Amino acid sequence: MAFKFKARQGTSKLLNVDFQVGRTGSITPVAKIEPVYIGALR
């Protein structure tokens, strides 16, 4: 027998977008987000 529980959801907040330059010169966006705790552990 298997039980299914309703999925928990949360919304995170976008704080900033930084750009990193790699060794080959490629630019990669990196998002800085505020963490959202969904489970009981913090």
Protein backbone atom coordinates (compact mmCIF):
# COMPACT_ATOMS: atom_id res chain seq x y z
CA MET A 1 0.00 0.00 0.00
CA ALA A 2 1.35 3.44 -0.85
CA PHE A 3 0.22 6.80 0.45
CA LYS A 4 0.48 10.01 -1.53
CA PHE A 5 0.65 13.33 0.21
CA LYS A 6 -0.13 16.70 -1.30
CA ALA A 7 3.02 18.42 -2.55
CA ARG A 8 4.21 21.43 -0.59
CA GLN A 9 4.98 24.54 -2.59
CA GLY A 10 6.76 27.77 -1.89
CA THR A 11 7.73 30.92 -3.74
CA SER A 12 11.26 32.23 -3.63
CA LYS A 13 12.27 35.85 -4.15
CA LEU A 14 14.81 36.87 -6.80
CA LEU A 15 17.31 39.16 -5.07
CA ASN A 16 19.88 39.86 -7.79
CA VAL A 17 21.35 38.58 -11.04
CA ASP A 18 25.14 38.46 -11.28
CA PHE A 19 27.17 37.71 -14.38
CA GLN A 20 30.26 35.51 -14.39
CA VAL A 21 32.87 35.41 -17.14
CA GLY A 22 34.30 31.95 -17.82
CA ARG A 23 37.75 30.98 -19.05
CA THR A 24 36.62 31.01 -22.68
CA GLY A 25 35.02 34.44 -22.32
CA SER A 26 31.44 33.19 -22.14
CA ILE A 27 29.14 35.20 -19.87
CA THR A 28 26.82 33.22 -17.61
CA PRO A 29 23.99 34.75 -15.55
CA VAL A 30 23.79 33.56 -11.92
CA ALA A 31 20.60 34.17 -9.94
CA LYS A 32 20.79 35.06 -6.24
CA ILE A 33 17.56 33.94 -4.60
CA GLU A 34 16.13 34.01 -1.10
CA PRO A 35 15.78 30.45 0.24
CA VAL A 36 12.34 29.05 1.05
CA TYR A 37 12.01 26.36 3.72
CA ILE A 38 9.33 23.84 2.87
CA GLY A 39 10.03 20.96 5.23
CA ALA A 40 10.28 20.85 9.02
CA LEU A 41 14.10 21.03 9.04
CA ARG A 42 15.78 24.43 8.90
